[in-house]
Amino acid sequence: MNPIGEAPPTLVLWLVLTNAVYSLFTLVGAAATMVSVRAALAEKPLSLSKALDPAFTRMGGLLVLGVLFNVMLGVTLVGIIVVLYLVIRFGLAFHVYILGDAHAMAALGRSWQLLRGRMLRFVGVLISATPVIAGVVLAGSLAMGIALAPFVSDDLGRTATISLNAVAFLVFGLLAVPIGAYVSGLTTIFYLDITEEAHA
């Protein structure tokens, strides 16, 4: 039995809309972090509106890249190694698009070029973020488990089950904010470093 199929249509619609809005704000937040980190490293801090401006003015390409990466990440067992390689090799495309002022498709090519011979370093940067991510997720999981424990029972209906799942999704969405900012900041510093190397 598929509980989603038997849930009230309004609830399912709200879940879909929430997921779409969350994905959009994730892209905007990551882009704003990249812009802010670059400005901070140049000792020219920006206001929030100026940090957000590139994400909104370049929204079309940002959405294209976001959909592309979601499609790649949606692949499960078939071709997972190839997909993982592509995700990493195109991993700086958002940075190139937002900070390098390139078109969305050109950003993919530039990311591929920049990471030639630097992929292991980039993977190292991503792995270095793992302890922080694991700690935040573990703490959030424990807090959520304690908070939801009184509401969990074997007699929950499908609507209540889906609602609790939605709450869990929301909590982990909130946890993703500091994690996303941390990873965006870390990868932005890496991007700026290798861009300087490439121009040297």
Protein backbone atom coordinates (compact mmCIF):
# COMPACT_ATOMS: atom_id res chain seq x y z
CA MET A 1 0.00 0.00 0.00
CA ASN A 2 1.25 3.45 -0.86
CA PRO A 3 0.33 5.92 1.92
CA ILE A 4 0.97 8.90 -0.35
CA GLY A 5 -1.61 7.61 -2.83
CA GLU A 6 -4.27 7.45 -0.13
CA ALA A 7 -3.42 10.74 1.57
CA PRO A 8 -5.70 13.77 1.18
CA PRO A 9 -4.81 15.54 -2.11
CA THR A 10 -4.42 18.88 -0.31
CA LEU A 11 -1.77 17.44 2.01
CA VAL A 12 0.15 15.91 -0.90
CA LEU A 13 -0.02 19.22 -2.78
CA TRP A 14 1.34 21.10 0.22
CA LEU A 15 4.18 18.57 0.56
CA VAL A 16 5.10 18.99 -3.12
CA LEU A 17 4.95 22.80 -2.90
CA THR A 18 6.99 22.81 0.31
CA ASN A 19 9.65 20.65 -1.32
CA ALA A 20 9.79 22.95 -4.37
CA VAL A 21 10.09 26.11 -2.24
CA TYR A 22 12.72 24.47 -0.05
CA SER A 23 14.78 23.48 -3.12
CA LEU A 24 14.54 27.02 -4.50
CA PHE A 25 15.65 28.63 -1.24
CA THR A 26 18.50 26.11 -0.99
CA LEU A 27 19.83 27.27 -4.35
CA VAL A 28 19.42 30.95 -3.45
CA GLY A 29 21.06 30.46 -0.04
CA ALA A 30 24.03 28.61 -1.51
CA ALA A 31 24.53 31.31 -4.15
CA ALA A 32 24.33 34.10 -1.54
CA THR A 33 26.88 32.28 0.62
CA MET A 34 29.30 32.05 -2.30
CA VAL A 35 28.99 35.78 -3.00
CA SER A 36 29.36 36.66 0.71
CA VAL A 37 32.44 34.47 1.19
CA ARG A 38 34.18 35.99 -1.84
CA ALA A 39 33.38 39.50 -0.57
CA ALA A 40 34.55 38.66 2.95
CA LEU A 41 37.85 37.27 1.67
CA ALA A 42 38.33 40.50 -0.29
CA GLU A 43 37.54 42.43 2.93
CA LYS A 44 34.50 44.00 1.26
CA PRO A 45 31.53 42.65 3.25
CA LEU A 46 28.14 42.90 1.57
CA SER A 47 24.65 43.58 2.85
CA LEU A 48 22.17 40.71 2.68
CA SER A 49 20.32 42.24 -0.27
CA LYS A 50 23.53 42.60 -2.30
CA ALA A 51 24.57 39.04 -1.46
CA LEU A 52 21.19 37.75 -2.64
CA ASP A 53 21.07 39.88 -5.78
CA PRO A 54 23.13 37.59 -8.11
CA ALA A 55 20.96 34.59 -7.24
CA PHE A 56 17.74 36.40 -8.14
CA THR A 57 19.06 38.18 -11.23
CA ARG A 58 20.48 34.89 -12.57
CA MET A 59 17.62 32.67 -11.41
CA GLY A 60 17.01 31.00 -14.79
CA GLY A 61 20.43 29.41 -15.08
CA LEU A 62 20.48 28.62 -11.37
CA LEU A 63 17.28 26.59 -11.79
CA VAL A 64 18.69 24.81 -14.85
CA LEU A 65 21.80 23.75 -12.89
CA GLY A 66 19.68 22.78 -9.89
CA VAL A 67 17.40 20.54 -11.96
CA LEU A 68 20.40 18.99 -13.72
CA PHE A 69 22.10 18.11 -10.44
CA ASN A 70 18.85 16.75 -8.95
CA VAL A 71 18.40 14.50 -11.99
CA MET A 72 21.98 13.22 -11.64
CA LEU A 73 21.57 12.64 -7.91
CA GLY A 74 18.28 10.84 -8.55
CA VAL A 75 20.10 7.99 -10.26
CA THR A 76 20.46 5.10 -7.82
CA LEU A 77 22.20 1.85 -8.72
CA VAL A 78 22.55 2.16 -12.48
CA GLY A 79 25.68 4.06 -13.36
CA ILE A 80 26.19 5.38 -9.82
CA ILE A 81 29.97 5.56 -10.21
CA VAL A 82 29.72 7.53 -13.44
CA VAL A 83 27.09 9.83 -11.97
CA LEU A 84 29.17 10.40 -8.83
CA TYR A 85 32.16 11.28 -11.01
CA LEU A 86 30.06 13.75 -13.02
CA VAL A 87 28.56 15.34 -9.90
CA ILE A 88 32.05 15.92 -8.50
CA ARG A 89 33.54 17.06 -11.83
CA PHE A 90 30.68 19.54 -12.32
CA GLY A 91 30.77 20.42 -8.61
CA LEU A 92 32.02 23.97 -9.16
CA ALA A 93 29.47 24.84 -11.85
CA PHE A 94 27.34 26.85 -9.39
CA HIS A 95 30.41 28.80 -8.29
CA VAL A 96 31.44 29.52 -11.88
CA TYR A 97 27.89 30.56 -12.75
CA ILE A 98 27.39 32.89 -9.77
CA LEU A 99 30.93 34.20 -9.24
CA GLY A 100 32.41 33.81 -12.69
CA ASP A 101 29.45 35.33 -14.54
CA ALA A 102 29.31 32.51 -17.11
CA HIS A 103 26.25 31.01 -18.81
CA ALA A 104 24.82 27.87 -17.16
CA MET A 105 26.14 25.45 -19.78
CA ALA A 106 29.49 27.25 -20.00
CA ALA A 107 29.74 26.96 -16.21
CA LEU A 108 29.62 23.17 -16.51
CA GLY A 109 32.48 23.21 -19.01
CA ARG A 110 34.54 25.61 -16.89
CA SER A 111 34.02 23.45 -13.78
CA TRP A 112 35.20 20.42 -15.76
CA GLN A 113 38.29 22.34 -16.85
CA LEU A 114 39.12 23.75 -13.41
CA LEU A 115 38.92 20.34 -11.73
CA ARG A 116 41.24 18.66 -14.24
CA GLY A 117 44.07 17.36 -12.06
CA ARG A 118 42.40 18.80 -8.94
CA MET A 119 39.58 16.33 -8.35
CA LEU A 120 41.27 14.57 -5.44
CA ARG A 121 41.83 17.92 -3.72
CA PHE A 122 38.17 18.79 -4.24
CA VAL A 123 37.06 15.41 -2.87
CA GLY A 124 39.33 16.06 0.12
CA VAL A 125 37.59 19.39 0.73
CA LEU A 126 34.18 17.68 0.59
CA ILE A 127 35.32 14.88 2.91
CA SER A 128 36.71 17.42 5.40
CA ALA A 129 33.14 18.70 5.86
CA THR A 130 31.84 15.23 6.80
CA PRO A 131 32.42 15.46 10.60
CA VAL A 132 30.52 18.76 10.80
CA ILE A 133 27.63 17.40 8.71
CA ALA A 134 27.49 14.17 10.71
CA GLY A 135 27.48 16.05 14.01
CA VAL A 136 24.66 18.39 13.01
CA VAL A 137 22.54 15.56 11.58
CA LEU A 138 23.08 13.36 14.65
CA ALA A 139 22.17 16.16 17.04
CA GLY A 140 19.09 16.99 14.97
CA SER A 141 18.03 13.36 14.79
CA LEU A 142 18.27 12.96 18.56
CA ALA A 143 16.35 16.18 19.19
CA MET A 144 13.65 15.23 16.70
CA GLY A 145 13.36 11.71 18.14
CA ILE A 146 12.85 13.10 21.64
CA ALA A 147 10.35 15.72 20.43
CA LEU A 148 8.24 13.30 18.37
CA ALA A 149 8.39 10.28 20.70
CA PRO A 150 5.14 11.16 22.57
CA PHE A 151 3.20 11.31 19.27
CA VAL A 152 4.38 7.99 17.82
CA SER A 153 2.11 4.99 18.23
CA ASP A 154 1.03 1.92 16.27
CA ASP A 155 -2.45 3.38 15.79
CA LEU A 156 -1.44 6.35 13.68
CA GLY A 157 -3.45 6.77 10.50
CA ARG A 158 -1.95 7.47 7.10
CA THR A 159 -2.57 11.21 7.30
CA ALA A 160 -0.89 11.45 10.72
CA THR A 161 2.04 9.35 9.47
CA ILE A 162 2.52 11.60 6.44
CA SER A 163 2.22 14.69 8.66
CA LEU A 164 4.94 13.37 11.00
CA ASN A 165 7.12 12.62 7.99
CA ALA A 166 6.55 16.21 6.84
CA VAL A 167 7.66 17.49 10.26
CA ALA A 168 10.78 15.33 10.02
CA PHE A 169 11.47 16.71 6.53
CA LEU A 170 11.06 20.25 7.84
CA VAL A 171 13.47 19.65 10.74
CA PHE A 172 16.11 18.21 8.46
CA GLY A 173 15.49 21.08 6.03
CA LEU A 174 16.29 23.52 8.84
CA LEU A 175 19.41 21.51 9.70
CA ALA A 176 20.50 21.76 6.08
CA VAL A 177 20.75 25.56 6.34
CA PRO A 178 23.97 25.69 8.44
CA ILE A 179 25.32 22.60 6.67
CA GLY A 180 24.72 24.13 3.25
CA ALA A 181 26.29 27.43 4.30
CA TYR A 182 29.36 25.63 5.66
CA VAL A 183 29.86 23.48 2.54
CA SER A 184 29.20 26.46 0.23
CA GLY A 185 31.75 28.55 2.11
CA LEU A 186 34.34 25.77 2.08
CA THR A 187 33.95 25.05 -1.63
CA THR A 188 33.92 28.75 -2.48
CA ILE A 189 37.33 29.21 -0.85
CA PHE A 190 38.57 26.20 -2.83
CA TYR A 191 37.11 27.62 -6.05
CA LEU A 192 38.73 31.03 -5.52
CA ASP A 193 42.09 29.38 -4.76
CA ILE A 194 42.17 27.22 -7.88
CA THR A 195 40.90 30.09 -10.03
CA GLU A 196 43.93 32.09 -8.92
CA GLU A 197 46.12 29.08 -9.71
CA ALA A 198 44.61 28.80 -13.18
CA HIS A 199 45.29 32.48 -13.88
CA ALA A 200 48.81 32.43 -12.44
